[in-house]
Amino acid sequence: MNKRLVCAGFGLCGLLLASTGAVAMEVKTGLWESHIETEIEGLPVSPPPMTHRNCVTEEDLVPQMQSPGQECEVLEHSTSGKTVTWRVQCKQDGMTMTGHGKIVYSGERYEGNVVMTMDGGPMGPMKMTQTMTGRRIGDCP
C-alpha cells in the first residue's frame, strides 16, 4: 500500500491515501492538475487557493503534495467503486491533526474534501476544510 499526503501550507495538513487498481476505480492515469481551496474556522481570511500537478498512477490514485516535517499515519482507508475514503493522524511541531477525507473520480475529473482538526496549536483547537477538484491534463512526462 502506498501512502501520500495532500497538504496545504500554514503547517496544517489534510491527507492522503490509498492505492488500488485504476481499472477498478475507472481512473485514467496520467498528469493531473489539482485545485485546492482551504477554509480554516475562526480565521478571518482563508489561505489562497493552490494548484498542483502530479502524475496519477495505478499505485497512486490520490493527487498529492509533500510537506516536510510531518509524521502522518493512515488509521484506516477504503475504496468503493469510484470513491476513496480515509482517516488519518498527523504530527508536526508539537501539534496533532486528525481528520478524514473522501475523493470521487469521474473519468478524467475528481472532486473531494478533507476535514482536519488540529489540537495543540498556539490559537487552540482549529478545524480546516479543504475542497479539492482535479482534472487529467495529459500524459506524464
Protein backbone atom coordinates (compact mmCIF):
# COMPACT_ATOMS: atom_id res chain seq x y z
CA MET A 1 0.00 0.00 0.00
CA ASN A 2 1.29 3.43 -0.88
CA LYS A 3 0.65 6.39 1.44
CA ARG A 4 0.91 10.06 0.37
CA LEU A 5 -0.02 13.47 1.78
CA VAL A 6 -2.28 16.14 0.37
CA CYS A 7 -1.14 19.24 2.27
CA ALA A 8 -1.84 22.95 2.34
CA GLY A 9 0.54 25.47 3.93
CA PHE A 10 0.30 27.11 7.33
CA GLY A 11 1.53 23.89 8.96
CA LEU A 12 -1.86 22.25 8.51
CA CYS A 13 -2.43 19.13 6.52
CA GLY A 14 -5.31 17.27 5.01
CA LEU A 15 -4.28 13.85 3.94
CA LEU A 16 -3.80 11.31 1.52
CA LEU A 17 -4.01 7.75 0.84
CA ALA A 18 -4.58 4.56 -0.66
CA SER A 19 -3.87 2.53 -3.63
CA THR A 20 -5.88 0.12 -5.69
CA GLY A 21 -6.07 -0.72 -9.37
CA ALA A 22 -7.04 2.06 -11.79
CA VAL A 23 -9.33 -0.26 -13.70
CA ALA A 24 -11.48 -0.85 -10.63
CA MET A 25 -11.50 2.90 -9.97
CA GLU A 26 -12.26 3.82 -13.61
CA VAL A 27 -9.47 6.42 -13.47
CA LYS A 28 -7.37 7.38 -16.45
CA THR A 29 -3.80 7.59 -15.22
CA GLY A 30 -1.52 10.41 -16.35
CA LEU A 31 -0.72 14.03 -15.47
CA TRP A 32 -3.44 15.59 -13.31
CA GLU A 33 -3.92 19.17 -12.13
CA SER A 34 -5.46 19.67 -8.69
CA HIS A 35 -7.08 22.83 -7.35
CA ILE A 36 -7.34 23.05 -3.55
CA GLU A 37 -9.26 25.67 -1.57
CA THR A 38 -8.76 25.80 2.19
CA GLU A 39 -11.03 27.26 4.85
CA ILE A 40 -9.95 27.46 8.48
CA GLU A 41 -12.71 28.10 11.01
CA GLY A 42 -12.09 31.17 13.14
CA LEU A 43 -9.68 32.86 10.76
CA PRO A 44 -10.97 35.99 9.02
CA VAL A 45 -9.00 35.27 5.84
CA SER A 46 -8.60 31.94 4.07
CA PRO A 47 -5.26 30.85 2.66
CA PRO A 48 -5.02 31.42 -1.09
CA PRO A 49 -6.13 28.54 -3.36
CA MET A 50 -3.37 26.23 -4.52
CA THR A 51 -2.87 24.44 -7.82
CA HIS A 52 -0.65 21.39 -8.05
CA ARG A 53 0.27 18.97 -10.84
CA ASN A 54 1.37 15.38 -10.39
CA CYS A 55 1.28 12.01 -12.08
CA VAL A 56 -1.55 9.71 -11.03
CA THR A 57 -0.65 6.05 -11.46
CA GLU A 58 -2.42 2.78 -10.72
CA GLU A 59 -0.39 2.63 -7.48
CA ASP A 60 -1.06 6.28 -6.50
CA LEU A 61 -4.65 7.27 -7.23
CA VAL A 62 -4.90 10.28 -4.94
CA PRO A 63 -3.23 13.52 -6.09
CA GLN A 64 -0.67 14.59 -3.54
CA MET A 65 1.71 17.24 -2.32
CA GLN A 66 4.53 16.53 0.07
CA SER A 67 5.01 18.54 3.24
CA PRO A 68 8.36 18.17 5.03
CA GLY A 69 8.48 17.65 8.77
CA GLN A 70 5.13 15.91 9.14
CA GLU A 71 4.64 12.43 10.52
CA CYS A 72 1.31 11.03 9.36
CA GLU A 73 -0.34 7.69 9.91
CA VAL A 74 -3.32 6.45 7.94
CA LEU A 75 -5.61 4.94 10.56
CA GLU A 76 -7.94 3.36 8.01
CA HIS A 77 -8.94 3.66 4.36
CA SER A 78 -11.35 2.08 1.92
CA THR A 79 -12.14 2.06 -1.76
CA SER A 80 -15.62 1.50 -3.11
CA GLY A 81 -16.33 1.93 -6.80
CA LYS A 82 -15.04 5.39 -7.75
CA THR A 83 -14.70 6.59 -4.14
CA VAL A 84 -11.68 6.52 -1.81
CA THR A 85 -12.14 7.45 1.87
CA TRP A 86 -9.65 7.62 4.74
CA ARG A 87 -8.93 8.64 8.34
CA VAL A 88 -5.53 9.99 9.32
CA GLN A 89 -3.49 11.42 12.18
CA CYS A 90 -0.53 13.78 11.60
CA LYS A 91 2.01 15.31 13.98
CA GLN A 92 4.17 18.34 13.30
CA ASP A 93 5.89 20.86 15.56
CA GLY A 94 4.17 19.56 18.71
CA MET A 95 0.71 19.72 17.14
CA THR A 96 -1.58 16.79 16.40
CA MET A 97 -4.02 16.83 13.49
CA THR A 98 -6.70 14.23 12.93
CA GLY A 99 -9.13 14.04 10.09
CA HIS A 100 -10.93 12.26 7.32
CA GLY A 101 -11.20 12.66 3.58
CA LYS A 102 -13.08 11.49 0.53
CA ILE A 103 -12.33 11.70 -3.18
CA VAL A 104 -14.65 10.61 -6.01
CA TYR A 105 -13.33 10.03 -9.52
CA SER A 106 -15.44 10.55 -12.60
CA GLY A 107 -13.35 9.53 -15.61
CA GLU A 108 -10.88 12.36 -16.17
CA ARG A 109 -12.10 14.51 -13.25
CA TYR A 110 -12.42 14.19 -9.50
CA GLU A 111 -13.95 16.03 -6.54
CA GLY A 112 -13.23 15.59 -2.89
CA ASN A 113 -12.65 17.11 0.50
CA VAL A 114 -10.55 16.71 3.60
CA VAL A 115 -11.58 17.84 7.09
CA MET A 116 -8.81 18.13 9.67
CA THR A 117 -8.91 19.16 13.32
CA MET A 118 -5.75 20.48 14.94
CA ASP A 119 -5.10 20.33 18.67
CA GLY A 120 -2.17 21.91 20.48
CA GLY A 121 -1.71 24.96 18.26
CA PRO A 122 -0.97 28.44 19.59
CA MET A 123 -4.59 29.52 18.88
CA GLY A 124 -6.16 26.41 20.42
CA PRO A 125 -8.16 23.79 18.54
CA MET A 126 -8.80 24.62 14.88
CA LYS A 127 -10.80 22.97 12.09
CA MET A 128 -9.65 23.09 8.48
CA THR A 129 -11.66 22.04 5.42
CA GLN A 130 -10.02 21.56 2.05
CA THR A 131 -12.14 21.28 -1.09
CA MET A 132 -10.34 19.62 -3.97
CA THR A 133 -11.12 19.32 -7.67
CA GLY A 134 -8.91 17.82 -10.31
CA ARG A 135 -8.72 17.06 -14.00
CA ARG A 136 -6.47 14.99 -16.21
CA ILE A 137 -4.41 17.25 -18.45
CA GLY A 138 -2.25 14.77 -20.37
CA ASP A 139 0.33 12.04 -20.14
CA CYS A 140 3.03 12.01 -17.50
CA PRO A 141 6.37 13.43 -18.64
